[in-house]
Amino acid sequence: MTGATHPVHGPNGERSSIGFIKGVGGVQAEREILATLSECHLIACYVHRSVAHILKRRFDPADPLVQPASREPTLTKRERECLTGAATGKTAAEVAAALDLSESTIIYHLSQARRKLDAANSSHAITKAISLKLIVLD
């Protein structure tokens, strides 16, 4: 057997980890795990946030900070453009050049998008934005 453990650091300082195990070992299994590490990390972030929300509701269902599941976040046009650029593999500097903005402005918009999407990192924000159809990749 072989596998990988993914630590997750949430946006509010909380931490967790999740392990992914392959039933066989060897070089081929290790290559397959390496090829899927980014997807495993996205799953780990999603599970982390889902469990955090479940626990928060369980212990304090009247908490006004807990958003209803049906409420979808709204992103500005610029936040969507920045996320789309990041989703295609561009760096903040490359997105800045394409949009004729400063790199710090791109970082700000990505930060705002992560906050609105309640995402642990940019990869998590991109995944959530795609799944909510807030951004579309061609």
N, C-alpha and C. Protein backbone atom coordinates (compact mmCIF):
# COMPACT_ATOMS: atom_id res chain seq x y z
N MET A 1 0.84 -1.18 0.00
CA MET A 1 0.00 0.00 0.00
C MET A 1 0.88 1.24 0.00
N THR A 2 0.35 2.27 -0.61
CA THR A 2 1.04 3.56 -0.61
C THR A 2 -0.02 4.65 -0.64
N GLY A 3 0.35 5.87 -0.23
CA GLY A 3 -0.65 6.93 -0.19
C GLY A 3 -0.02 8.27 0.09
N ALA A 4 -0.91 9.23 0.31
CA ALA A 4 -0.47 10.60 0.61
C ALA A 4 -1.43 11.22 1.61
N THR A 5 -0.90 12.03 2.50
CA THR A 5 -1.72 12.76 3.46
C THR A 5 -1.64 14.24 3.10
N HIS A 6 -2.81 14.88 3.06
CA HIS A 6 -2.88 16.30 2.71
C HIS A 6 -3.28 17.11 3.93
N PRO A 7 -2.39 17.99 4.40
CA PRO A 7 -2.78 18.91 5.47
C PRO A 7 -3.59 20.06 4.86
N VAL A 8 -4.57 20.56 5.62
CA VAL A 8 -5.37 21.69 5.16
C VAL A 8 -5.34 22.76 6.24
N HIS A 9 -5.06 23.99 5.82
CA HIS A 9 -5.09 25.14 6.71
C HIS A 9 -6.23 26.02 6.24
N GLY A 10 -7.29 26.10 7.03
CA GLY A 10 -8.46 26.88 6.65
C GLY A 10 -8.25 28.36 6.74
N PRO A 11 -9.18 29.14 6.16
CA PRO A 11 -9.03 30.60 6.13
C PRO A 11 -9.12 31.25 7.51
N ASN A 12 -9.67 30.55 8.49
CA ASN A 12 -9.80 31.10 9.85
C ASN A 12 -8.82 30.48 10.83
N GLY A 13 -7.75 29.86 10.31
CA GLY A 13 -6.72 29.29 11.17
C GLY A 13 -6.96 27.84 11.58
N GLU A 14 -8.09 27.26 11.20
CA GLU A 14 -8.34 25.87 11.57
C GLU A 14 -7.49 24.94 10.68
N ARG A 15 -7.22 23.75 11.21
CA ARG A 15 -6.36 22.80 10.50
C ARG A 15 -6.97 21.41 10.53
N SER A 16 -6.69 20.66 9.47
CA SER A 16 -7.11 19.27 9.40
C SER A 16 -6.21 18.56 8.40
N SER A 17 -6.41 17.27 8.26
CA SER A 17 -5.70 16.53 7.23
C SER A 17 -6.56 15.36 6.78
N ILE A 18 -6.29 14.89 5.59
CA ILE A 18 -7.01 13.75 5.04
C ILE A 18 -6.00 12.89 4.29
N GLY A 19 -6.16 11.59 4.40
CA GLY A 19 -5.25 10.67 3.73
C GLY A 19 -5.92 9.96 2.58
N PHE A 20 -5.17 9.76 1.50
CA PHE A 20 -5.62 9.01 0.34
C PHE A 20 -4.68 7.82 0.19
N ILE A 21 -5.24 6.61 0.15
CA ILE A 21 -4.42 5.40 0.13
C ILE A 21 -4.76 4.57 -1.09
N LYS A 22 -3.73 4.07 -1.75
CA LYS A 22 -3.89 3.16 -2.88
C LYS A 22 -3.60 1.76 -2.36
N GLY A 23 -4.41 0.82 -2.73
CA GLY A 23 -4.32 -0.54 -2.21
C GLY A 23 -3.09 -1.31 -2.63
N VAL A 24 -2.32 -0.79 -3.56
CA VAL A 24 -1.09 -1.45 -4.01
C VAL A 24 0.07 -0.49 -3.86
N GLY A 25 1.25 -1.03 -3.87
CA GLY A 25 2.45 -0.20 -3.77
C GLY A 25 3.24 -0.25 -5.06
N GLY A 26 4.43 0.25 -5.01
CA GLY A 26 5.31 0.18 -6.17
C GLY A 26 5.44 1.50 -6.90
N VAL A 27 6.33 1.51 -7.86
CA VAL A 27 6.64 2.71 -8.61
C VAL A 27 5.43 3.21 -9.39
N GLN A 28 4.68 2.32 -10.03
CA GLN A 28 3.52 2.73 -10.82
C GLN A 28 2.46 3.37 -9.92
N ALA A 29 2.22 2.81 -8.75
CA ALA A 29 1.25 3.38 -7.82
C ALA A 29 1.70 4.77 -7.37
N GLU A 30 2.98 4.93 -7.11
CA GLU A 30 3.50 6.24 -6.70
C GLU A 30 3.35 7.26 -7.82
N ARG A 31 3.56 6.84 -9.07
CA ARG A 31 3.36 7.75 -10.20
C ARG A 31 1.90 8.18 -10.31
N GLU A 32 0.99 7.23 -10.12
CA GLU A 32 -0.44 7.54 -10.19
C GLU A 32 -0.84 8.53 -9.09
N ILE A 33 -0.29 8.34 -7.91
CA ILE A 33 -0.57 9.26 -6.81
C ILE A 33 -0.03 10.65 -7.13
N LEU A 34 1.19 10.73 -7.63
CA LEU A 34 1.78 12.03 -8.00
C LEU A 34 0.94 12.74 -9.06
N ALA A 35 0.39 11.97 -9.99
CA ALA A 35 -0.41 12.56 -11.07
C ALA A 35 -1.73 13.13 -10.57
N THR A 36 -2.20 12.67 -9.41
CA THR A 36 -3.51 13.12 -8.90
C THR A 36 -3.41 13.98 -7.64
N LEU A 37 -2.21 14.39 -7.27
CA LEU A 37 -2.04 15.15 -6.02
C LEU A 37 -2.87 16.43 -5.99
N SER A 38 -2.91 17.17 -7.10
CA SER A 38 -3.65 18.43 -7.08
C SER A 38 -5.14 18.19 -6.90
N GLU A 39 -5.69 17.15 -7.53
CA GLU A 39 -7.11 16.83 -7.35
C GLU A 39 -7.38 16.39 -5.91
N CYS A 40 -6.47 15.61 -5.34
CA CYS A 40 -6.62 15.18 -3.95
C CYS A 40 -6.61 16.38 -3.01
N HIS A 41 -5.77 17.37 -3.30
CA HIS A 41 -5.72 18.56 -2.46
C HIS A 41 -7.04 19.33 -2.53
N LEU A 42 -7.61 19.45 -3.72
CA LEU A 42 -8.91 20.12 -3.85
C LEU A 42 -10.00 19.38 -3.07
N ILE A 43 -9.99 18.06 -3.14
CA ILE A 43 -10.96 17.27 -2.38
C ILE A 43 -10.75 17.50 -0.89
N ALA A 44 -9.49 17.53 -0.45
CA ALA A 44 -9.19 17.75 0.97
C ALA A 44 -9.73 19.10 1.44
N CYS A 45 -9.54 20.15 0.62
CA CYS A 45 -10.06 21.48 0.97
C CYS A 45 -11.58 21.47 1.06
N TYR A 46 -12.22 20.82 0.10
CA TYR A 46 -13.68 20.75 0.09
C TYR A 46 -14.20 20.01 1.32
N VAL A 47 -13.62 18.87 1.63
CA VAL A 47 -14.05 18.10 2.79
C VAL A 47 -13.83 18.90 4.07
N HIS A 48 -12.70 19.58 4.16
CA HIS A 48 -12.40 20.38 5.35
C HIS A 48 -13.49 21.43 5.58
N ARG A 49 -13.81 22.20 4.53
CA ARG A 49 -14.82 23.26 4.68
C ARG A 49 -16.19 22.68 4.96
N SER A 50 -16.54 21.57 4.33
CA SER A 50 -17.85 20.95 4.56
C SER A 50 -17.99 20.48 6.00
N VAL A 51 -16.97 19.84 6.51
CA VAL A 51 -17.01 19.37 7.90
C VAL A 51 -17.04 20.55 8.86
N ALA A 52 -16.28 21.59 8.56
CA ALA A 52 -16.29 22.79 9.42
C ALA A 52 -17.69 23.39 9.49
N HIS A 53 -18.39 23.46 8.35
CA HIS A 53 -19.75 24.01 8.34
C HIS A 53 -20.72 23.11 9.11
N ILE A 54 -20.59 21.82 8.93
CA ILE A 54 -21.46 20.88 9.64
C ILE A 54 -21.26 21.02 11.14
N LEU A 55 -20.00 21.06 11.57
CA LEU A 55 -19.73 21.20 13.01
C LEU A 55 -20.23 22.53 13.55
N LYS A 56 -20.06 23.59 12.80
CA LYS A 56 -20.50 24.90 13.25
C LYS A 56 -22.03 24.91 13.42
N ARG A 57 -22.75 24.35 12.47
CA ARG A 57 -24.21 24.28 12.57
C ARG A 57 -24.65 23.41 13.74
N ARG A 58 -23.92 22.34 13.96
CA ARG A 58 -24.28 21.41 15.04
C ARG A 58 -24.15 22.08 16.40
N PHE A 59 -23.10 22.87 16.58
CA PHE A 59 -22.85 23.47 17.88
C PHE A 59 -23.52 24.83 18.06
N ASP A 60 -23.82 25.52 16.97
CA ASP A 60 -24.45 26.83 17.09
C ASP A 60 -25.33 27.11 15.87
N PRO A 61 -26.50 26.46 15.77
CA PRO A 61 -27.35 26.63 14.59
C PRO A 61 -27.91 28.05 14.44
N ALA A 62 -27.91 28.84 15.51
CA ALA A 62 -28.44 30.20 15.43
C ALA A 62 -27.38 31.22 15.04
N ASP A 63 -26.16 30.77 14.80
CA ASP A 63 -25.06 31.68 14.47
C ASP A 63 -25.36 32.40 13.15
N PRO A 64 -25.43 33.73 13.16
CA PRO A 64 -25.75 34.46 11.94
C PRO A 64 -24.64 34.43 10.90
N LEU A 65 -23.44 34.00 11.29
CA LEU A 65 -22.34 33.93 10.34
C LEU A 65 -22.43 32.69 9.45
N VAL A 66 -23.24 31.72 9.85
CA VAL A 66 -23.41 30.52 9.04
C VAL A 66 -24.35 30.86 7.90
N GLN A 67 -23.83 30.79 6.67
CA GLN A 67 -24.63 31.13 5.52
C GLN A 67 -25.53 29.97 5.13
N PRO A 68 -26.74 30.23 4.72
CA PRO A 68 -27.60 29.16 4.23
C PRO A 68 -26.99 28.52 2.99
N ALA A 69 -27.20 27.23 2.81
CA ALA A 69 -26.60 26.51 1.70
C ALA A 69 -27.09 27.03 0.35
N SER A 70 -28.28 27.58 0.29
CA SER A 70 -28.84 28.02 -0.98
C SER A 70 -28.29 29.37 -1.44
N ARG A 71 -27.64 30.10 -0.58
CA ARG A 71 -27.13 31.42 -0.92
C ARG A 71 -25.81 31.29 -1.69
N GLU A 72 -25.84 31.69 -2.95
CA GLU A 72 -24.63 31.61 -3.76
C GLU A 72 -23.86 32.92 -3.70
N PRO A 73 -22.55 32.84 -3.66
CA PRO A 73 -21.75 34.07 -3.63
C PRO A 73 -21.84 34.81 -4.96
N THR A 74 -21.63 36.10 -4.91
CA THR A 74 -21.61 36.94 -6.10
C THR A 74 -20.20 37.48 -6.28
N LEU A 75 -19.63 37.26 -7.44
CA LEU A 75 -18.30 37.77 -7.73
C LEU A 75 -18.41 38.92 -8.72
N THR A 76 -17.52 39.90 -8.56
CA THR A 76 -17.48 41.00 -9.52
C THR A 76 -16.90 40.49 -10.83
N LYS A 77 -17.08 41.27 -11.88
CA LYS A 77 -16.52 40.92 -13.19
C LYS A 77 -15.00 40.75 -13.08
N ARG A 78 -14.34 41.65 -12.37
CA ARG A 78 -12.89 41.60 -12.24
C ARG A 78 -12.45 40.35 -11.47
N GLU A 79 -13.18 39.99 -10.40
CA GLU A 79 -12.85 38.78 -9.64
C GLU A 79 -12.98 37.55 -10.53
N ARG A 80 -14.03 37.52 -11.36
CA ARG A 80 -14.21 36.39 -12.28
C ARG A 80 -13.08 36.34 -13.31
N GLU A 81 -12.67 37.51 -13.82
CA GLU A 81 -11.57 37.55 -14.79
C GLU A 81 -10.27 37.06 -14.17
N CYS A 82 -10.01 37.47 -12.94
CA CYS A 82 -8.78 37.05 -12.26
C CYS A 82 -8.79 35.55 -11.97
N LEU A 83 -9.92 35.04 -11.52
CA LEU A 83 -10.03 33.59 -11.26
C LEU A 83 -9.88 32.80 -12.55
N THR A 84 -10.48 33.28 -13.62
CA THR A 84 -10.38 32.59 -14.91
C THR A 84 -8.93 32.55 -15.37
N GLY A 85 -8.23 33.67 -15.23
CA GLY A 85 -6.82 33.69 -15.59
C GLY A 85 -6.01 32.71 -14.77
N ALA A 86 -6.25 32.70 -13.46
CA ALA A 86 -5.54 31.77 -12.57
C ALA A 86 -5.88 30.32 -12.92
N ALA A 87 -7.13 30.09 -13.30
CA ALA A 87 -7.56 28.72 -13.63
C ALA A 87 -6.87 28.19 -14.87
N THR A 88 -6.45 29.09 -15.75
CA THR A 88 -5.75 28.66 -16.96
C THR A 88 -4.25 28.51 -16.74
N GLY A 89 -3.81 28.70 -15.50
CA GLY A 89 -2.41 28.49 -15.16
C GLY A 89 -1.55 29.73 -15.20
N LYS A 90 -2.16 30.89 -15.42
CA LYS A 90 -1.38 32.13 -15.47
C LYS A 90 -1.01 32.58 -14.06
N THR A 91 0.14 33.20 -13.94
CA THR A 91 0.55 33.79 -12.68
C THR A 91 -0.18 35.12 -12.50
N ALA A 92 -0.11 35.67 -11.30
CA ALA A 92 -0.74 36.97 -11.05
C ALA A 92 -0.12 38.03 -11.97
N ALA A 93 1.17 37.95 -12.21
CA ALA A 93 1.84 38.91 -13.10
C ALA A 93 1.32 38.78 -14.53
N GLU A 94 1.11 37.56 -14.99
CA GLU A 94 0.60 37.35 -16.36
C GLU A 94 -0.83 37.83 -16.50
N VAL A 95 -1.65 37.58 -15.48
CA VAL A 95 -3.04 38.06 -15.50
C VAL A 95 -3.03 39.59 -15.48
N ALA A 96 -2.15 40.17 -14.67
CA ALA A 96 -2.05 41.63 -14.60
C ALA A 96 -1.70 42.22 -15.96
N ALA A 97 -0.76 41.62 -16.64
CA ALA A 97 -0.36 42.12 -17.97
C ALA A 97 -1.51 42.00 -18.96
N ALA A 98 -2.24 40.88 -18.91
CA ALA A 98 -3.36 40.67 -19.84
C ALA A 98 -4.50 41.65 -19.59
N LEU A 99 -4.72 42.02 -18.32
CA LEU A 99 -5.83 42.92 -17.98
C LEU A 99 -5.38 44.38 -17.84
N ASP A 100 -4.10 44.63 -18.06
CA ASP A 100 -3.52 45.97 -17.93
C ASP A 100 -3.76 46.54 -16.53
N LEU A 101 -3.45 45.71 -15.52
CA LEU A 101 -3.57 46.10 -14.11
C LEU A 101 -2.27 45.77 -13.40
N SER A 102 -2.15 46.20 -12.17
CA SER A 102 -0.95 45.85 -11.39
C SER A 102 -1.11 44.44 -10.79
N GLU A 103 0.01 43.83 -10.52
CA GLU A 103 -0.01 42.49 -9.91
C GLU A 103 -0.69 42.53 -8.54
N SER A 104 -0.47 43.60 -7.78
CA SER A 104 -1.10 43.69 -6.45
C SER A 104 -2.62 43.81 -6.57
N THR A 105 -3.11 44.42 -7.64
CA THR A 105 -4.56 44.51 -7.86
C THR A 105 -5.13 43.12 -8.14
N ILE A 106 -4.42 42.33 -8.92
CA ILE A 106 -4.86 40.96 -9.22
C ILE A 106 -4.89 40.15 -7.93
N ILE A 107 -3.85 40.27 -7.13
CA ILE A 107 -3.79 39.54 -5.85
C ILE A 107 -4.95 39.95 -4.96
N TYR A 108 -5.28 41.23 -4.94
CA TYR A 108 -6.42 41.71 -4.15
C TYR A 108 -7.73 41.07 -4.64
N HIS A 109 -7.96 41.07 -5.95
CA HIS A 109 -9.21 40.50 -6.48
C HIS A 109 -9.29 38.99 -6.20
N LEU A 110 -8.17 38.29 -6.31
CA LEU A 110 -8.16 36.85 -6.00
C LEU A 110 -8.45 36.63 -4.52
N SER A 111 -7.91 37.49 -3.68
CA SER A 111 -8.16 37.39 -2.24
C SER A 111 -9.64 37.61 -1.93
N GLN A 112 -10.24 38.59 -2.57
CA GLN A 112 -11.67 38.86 -2.37
C GLN A 112 -12.51 37.69 -2.86
N ALA A 113 -12.14 37.10 -3.98
CA ALA A 113 -12.87 35.94 -4.51
C ALA A 113 -12.76 34.77 -3.54
N ARG A 114 -11.56 34.52 -2.99
CA ARG A 114 -11.39 33.43 -2.01
C ARG A 114 -12.27 33.66 -0.80
N ARG A 115 -12.31 34.90 -0.33
CA ARG A 115 -13.13 35.22 0.85
C ARG A 115 -14.60 35.00 0.55
N LYS A 116 -15.08 35.50 -0.57
CA LYS A 116 -16.49 35.36 -0.92
C LYS A 116 -16.89 33.90 -1.13
N LEU A 117 -15.96 33.11 -1.67
CA LEU A 117 -16.24 31.70 -1.93
C LEU A 117 -15.95 30.81 -0.72
N ASP A 118 -15.46 31.43 0.36
CA ASP A 118 -15.10 30.70 1.57
C ASP A 118 -14.13 29.57 1.23
N ALA A 119 -13.11 29.93 0.46
CA ALA A 119 -12.13 28.96 -0.03
C ALA A 119 -10.83 29.05 0.77
N ALA A 120 -10.19 27.91 0.95
CA ALA A 120 -8.96 27.86 1.71
C ALA A 120 -7.77 28.39 0.92
N ASN A 121 -7.82 28.30 -0.42
CA ASN A 121 -6.73 28.77 -1.27
C ASN A 121 -7.28 29.04 -2.66
N SER A 122 -6.43 29.48 -3.56
CA SER A 122 -6.89 29.83 -4.91
C SER A 122 -7.39 28.62 -5.69
N SER A 123 -6.73 27.48 -5.55
CA SER A 123 -7.20 26.27 -6.24
C SER A 123 -8.61 25.91 -5.79
N HIS A 124 -8.85 26.01 -4.51
CA HIS A 124 -10.17 25.72 -3.96
C HIS A 124 -11.18 26.73 -4.49
N ALA A 125 -10.81 28.00 -4.56
CA ALA A 125 -11.70 29.04 -5.08
C ALA A 125 -12.03 28.79 -6.55
N ILE A 126 -11.05 28.41 -7.33
CA ILE A 126 -11.27 28.12 -8.74
C ILE A 126 -12.24 26.96 -8.89
N THR A 127 -12.02 25.90 -8.13
CA THR A 127 -12.91 24.73 -8.19
C THR A 127 -14.33 25.10 -7.82
N LYS A 128 -14.49 25.87 -6.76
CA LYS A 128 -15.83 26.28 -6.34
C LYS A 128 -16.48 27.18 -7.39
N ALA A 129 -15.72 28.11 -7.95
CA ALA A 129 -16.27 29.02 -8.96
C ALA A 129 -16.72 28.26 -10.20
N ILE A 130 -15.95 27.28 -10.61
CA ILE A 130 -16.33 26.46 -11.76
C ILE A 130 -17.58 25.65 -11.45
N SER A 131 -17.60 25.00 -10.28
CA SER A 131 -18.75 24.17 -9.93
C SER A 131 -20.03 24.97 -9.75
N LEU A 132 -19.90 26.24 -9.32
CA LEU A 132 -21.07 27.12 -9.18
C LEU A 132 -21.39 27.86 -10.48
N LYS A 133 -20.61 27.56 -11.52
CA LYS A 133 -20.77 28.20 -12.84
C LYS A 133 -20.59 29.72 -12.77
N LEU A 134 -19.72 30.16 -11.86
CA LEU A 134 -19.39 31.58 -11.77
C LEU A 134 -18.33 31.96 -12.78
N ILE A 135 -17.51 30.95 -13.17
CA ILE A 135 -16.55 31.13 -14.26
C ILE A 135 -16.69 29.94 -15.17
N VAL A 136 -16.39 30.16 -16.44
CA VAL A 136 -16.46 29.10 -17.45
C VAL A 136 -15.13 29.10 -18.20
N LEU A 137 -14.54 27.93 -18.30
CA LEU A 137 -13.28 27.80 -19.04
C LEU A 137 -13.60 27.23 -20.43
N ASP A 138 -12.99 27.83 -21.44
CA ASP A 138 -13.24 27.36 -22.82
C ASP A 138 -12.35 26.21 -23.17
